[in-house]
C-alpha atoms as a PDB file:
ATOM      1  CA  MET A   1    -104.718 126.117 -25.574  1.00  0.00           C
ATOM      2  CA  LYS A   2    -101.747 123.751 -25.455  1.00  0.00           C
ATOM      3  CA  ASP A   3     -99.555 123.647 -22.407  1.00  0.00           C
ATOM      4  CA  ILE A   4     -96.163 124.243 -23.988  1.00  0.00           C
ATOM      5  CA  PHE A   5     -94.431 123.260 -20.768  1.00  0.00           C
ATOM      6  CA  HIS A   6     -96.074 119.838 -20.595  1.00  0.00           C
ATOM      7  CA  PRO A   7     -93.395 117.098 -20.940  1.00  0.00           C
ATOM      8  CA  ASP A   8     -95.202 115.380 -23.837  1.00  0.00           C
ATOM      9  CA  PHE A   9     -95.449 118.605 -25.805  1.00  0.00           C
ATOM     10  CA  LEU A  10     -91.815 119.470 -25.160  1.00  0.00           C
ATOM     11  CA  TYR A  11     -90.660 115.979 -26.135  1.00  0.00           C
ATOM     12  CA  LYS A  12     -92.636 115.991 -29.403  1.00  0.00           C
ATOM     13  CA  SER A  13     -91.478 119.515 -30.243  1.00  0.00           C
ATOM     14  CA  ILE A  14     -87.833 118.648 -29.686  1.00  0.00           C
ATOM     15  CA  LEU A  15     -88.209 115.407 -31.624  1.00  0.00           C
ATOM     16  CA  ASN A  16     -89.768 117.271 -34.569  1.00  0.00           C
ATOM     17  CA  LEU A  17     -86.948 119.802 -34.567  1.00  0.00           C
ATOM     18  CA  LEU A  18     -84.186 117.188 -34.438  1.00  0.00           C
ATOM     19  CA  THR A  19     -85.583 114.555 -36.789  1.00  0.00           C
ATOM     20  CA  PRO A  20     -84.651 116.311 -40.051  1.00  0.00           C
ATOM     21  CA  MET A  21     -81.109 116.872 -38.768  1.00  0.00           C
ATOM     22  CA  PHE A  22     -80.276 113.194 -38.313  1.00  0.00           C
ATOM     23  CA  THR A  23     -80.441 110.928 -41.306  1.00  0.00           C
ATOM     24  CA  PRO A  24     -79.497 107.254 -41.362  1.00  0.00           C
ATOM     25  CA  PHE A  25     -75.918 106.559 -42.313  1.00  0.00           C
ATOM     26  CA  THR A  26     -73.563 103.648 -42.571  1.00  0.00           C
ATOM     27  CA  VAL A  27     -69.899 103.403 -41.888  1.00  0.00           C
ATOM     28  CA  ASN A  28     -68.383 101.661 -44.864  1.00  0.00           C
ATOM     29  CA  GLY A  29     -64.689 102.368 -44.455  1.00  0.00           C
ATOM     30  CA  SER A  30     -62.173 100.853 -42.078  1.00  0.00           C
ATOM     31  CA  SER A  31     -58.558  99.998 -41.533  1.00  0.00           C
ATOM     32  CA  LEU A  32     -57.711  96.322 -42.006  1.00  0.00           C
ATOM     33  CA  GLN A  33     -56.968  96.095 -38.289  1.00  0.00           C
ATOM     34  CA  LEU A  34     -60.668  96.509 -37.412  1.00  0.00           C
ATOM     35  CA  LEU A  35     -62.082  93.913 -39.802  1.00  0.00           C
ATOM     36  CA  LYS A  36     -63.131  90.419 -38.724  1.00  0.00           C
ATOM     37  CA  VAL A  37     -62.664  87.002 -40.335  1.00  0.00           C
ATOM     38  CA  GLY A  38     -64.779  86.784 -43.479  1.00  0.00           C
ATOM     39  CA  ASP A  39     -64.997  90.559 -43.946  1.00  0.00           C
ATOM     40  CA  ARG A  40     -64.190  91.824 -47.418  1.00  0.00           C
ATOM     41  CA  GLY A  41     -63.113  95.207 -48.627  1.00  0.00           C
ATOM     42  CA  ILE A  42     -61.716  97.147 -51.544  1.00  0.00           C
ATOM     43  CA  VAL A  43     -58.368  98.799 -50.830  1.00  0.00           C
ATOM     44  CA  LYS A  44     -58.792 102.589 -50.953  1.00  0.00           C
ATOM     45  CA  PHE A  45     -55.360 103.769 -49.800  1.00  0.00           C
ATOM     46  CA  CYS A  46     -52.298 102.826 -47.794  1.00  0.00           C
ATOM     47  CA  ASN A  47     -50.854 105.283 -45.295  1.00  0.00           C
ATOM     48  CA  ILE A  48     -47.407 103.678 -45.388  1.00  0.00           C
ATOM     49  CA  GLN A  49     -44.330 105.905 -45.390  1.00  0.00           C
ATOM     50  CA  ASP A  50     -41.711 103.202 -46.003  1.00  0.00           C
ATOM     51  CA  LYS A  51     -41.337 103.061 -49.792  1.00  0.00           C
ATOM     52  CA  ASN A  52     -39.756  99.581 -49.680  1.00  0.00           C
ATOM     53  CA  ILE A  53     -42.711  98.082 -47.791  1.00  0.00           C
ATOM     54  CA  LEU A  54     -45.159  99.839 -50.105  1.00  0.00           C
ATOM     55  CA  LYS A  55     -43.284  98.559 -53.159  1.00  0.00           C
ATOM     56  CA  LYS A  56     -43.282  94.990 -51.792  1.00  0.00           C
ATOM     57  CA  LEU A  57     -47.037  95.099 -51.047  1.00  0.00           C
ATOM     58  CA  LYS A  58     -47.741  96.378 -54.545  1.00  0.00           C
ATOM     59  CA  SER A  59     -45.594  93.632 -56.064  1.00  0.00           C
ATOM     60  CA  LEU A  60     -47.677  91.085 -54.110  1.00  0.00           C
ATOM     61  CA  GLY A  61     -50.872  92.515 -55.592  1.00  0.00           C
ATOM     62  CA  LEU A  62     -52.026  94.747 -52.730  1.00  0.00           C
ATOM     63  CA  ASN A  63     -52.921  97.796 -54.809  1.00  0.00           C
ATOM     64  CA  THR A  64     -55.649 100.423 -54.667  1.00  0.00           C
ATOM     65  CA  GLY A  65     -58.900  98.954 -56.003  1.00  0.00           C
ATOM     66  CA  VAL A  66     -58.055  95.332 -55.161  1.00  0.00           C
ATOM     67  CA  THR A  67     -60.585  93.266 -53.184  1.00  0.00           C
ATOM     68  CA  ILE A  68     -59.243  91.614 -50.037  1.00  0.00           C
ATOM     69  CA  THR A  69     -60.766  89.092 -47.621  1.00  0.00           C
ATOM     70  CA  ILE A  70     -59.796  88.621 -43.971  1.00  0.00           C
ATOM     71  CA  GLU A  71     -58.901  84.943 -43.550  1.00  0.00           C
ATOM     72  CA  GLN A  72     -57.457  84.963 -40.016  1.00  0.00           C
ATOM     73  CA  GLU A  73     -57.169  87.488 -37.174  1.00  0.00           C
ATOM     74  CA  PHE A  74     -55.106  85.694 -34.560  1.00  0.00           C
ATOM     75  CA  PRO A  75     -52.269  85.066 -33.880  1.00  0.00           C
ATOM     76  CA  SER A  76     -51.484  87.068 -37.011  1.00  0.00           C
ATOM     77  CA  LEU A  77     -53.660  88.801 -39.571  1.00  0.00           C
ATOM     78  CA  ILE A  78     -53.886  86.874 -42.828  1.00  0.00           C
ATOM     79  CA  ILE A  79     -55.605  88.410 -45.834  1.00  0.00           C
ATOM     80  CA  GLN A  80     -56.400  86.992 -49.225  1.00  0.00           C
ATOM     81  CA  VAL A  81     -55.447  89.145 -52.195  1.00  0.00           C
ATOM     82  CA  GLY A  82     -56.557  87.405 -55.377  1.00  0.00           C
ATOM     83  CA  SER A  83     -55.224  83.873 -55.006  1.00  0.00           C
ATOM     84  CA  ILE A  84     -52.415  84.879 -52.610  1.00  0.00           C
ATOM     85  CA  LEU A  85     -52.531  84.751 -48.799  1.00  0.00           C
ATOM     86  CA  LEU A  86     -50.522  87.496 -47.084  1.00  0.00           C
ATOM     87  CA  GLU A  87     -49.563  87.755 -43.426  1.00  0.00           C
ATOM     88  CA  ILE A  88     -49.850  91.374 -42.304  1.00  0.00           C
ATOM     89  CA  ASP A  89     -48.624  92.703 -38.951  1.00  0.00           C
ATOM     90  CA  LYS A  90     -50.968  94.835 -36.835  1.00  0.00           C
ATOM     91  CA  GLU A  91     -49.067  98.077 -37.457  1.00  0.00           C
ATOM     92  CA  LEU A  92     -49.246  97.602 -41.207  1.00  0.00           C
ATOM     93  CA  ALA A  93     -52.933  96.604 -41.028  1.00  0.00           C
ATOM     94  CA  ARG A  94     -53.696  99.804 -39.127  1.00  0.00           C
ATOM     95  CA  ASN A  95     -52.419 101.820 -42.111  1.00  0.00           C
ATOM     96  CA  ILE A  96     -54.273 100.045 -44.915  1.00  0.00           C
ATOM     97  CA  TYR A  97     -57.787 101.379 -45.464  1.00  0.00           C
ATOM     98  CA  VAL A  98     -60.602  99.651 -47.298  1.00  0.00           C
ATOM     99  CA  ARG A  99     -64.188 100.283 -48.317  1.00  0.00           C
ATOM    100  CA  VAL A 100     -66.054  97.461 -46.614  1.00  0.00           C
ATOM    101  CA  ILE A 101     -68.144  95.236 -48.884  1.00  0.00           C
ATOM    102  CA  ASN A 102     -71.321  93.828 -47.360  1.00  0.00           C
ATOM    103  CA  ASN A 103     -71.162  90.042 -47.287  1.00  0.00           C
END
């Protein structure tokens, strides 16, 4: 008869119960503010309330579906959008979300 109170038995029982509940996952979305130099992403949405700023970004090519690359983090954030380099302030970067592309 198994000793159900033995630490090894309890550990294995708990592990067997929990294993199916936790599956591997990856985080593949981020705001621009959290990306590092060389990271790339596809713009998913912009949470920007100011219509003038949003209009300007769109006119510069920063639209949903566009691929961006982080070129510089400090002293200011510089991203590449197509063949254009854009300087983005931290507040703006916090509100632009991308699906991260593995490099």
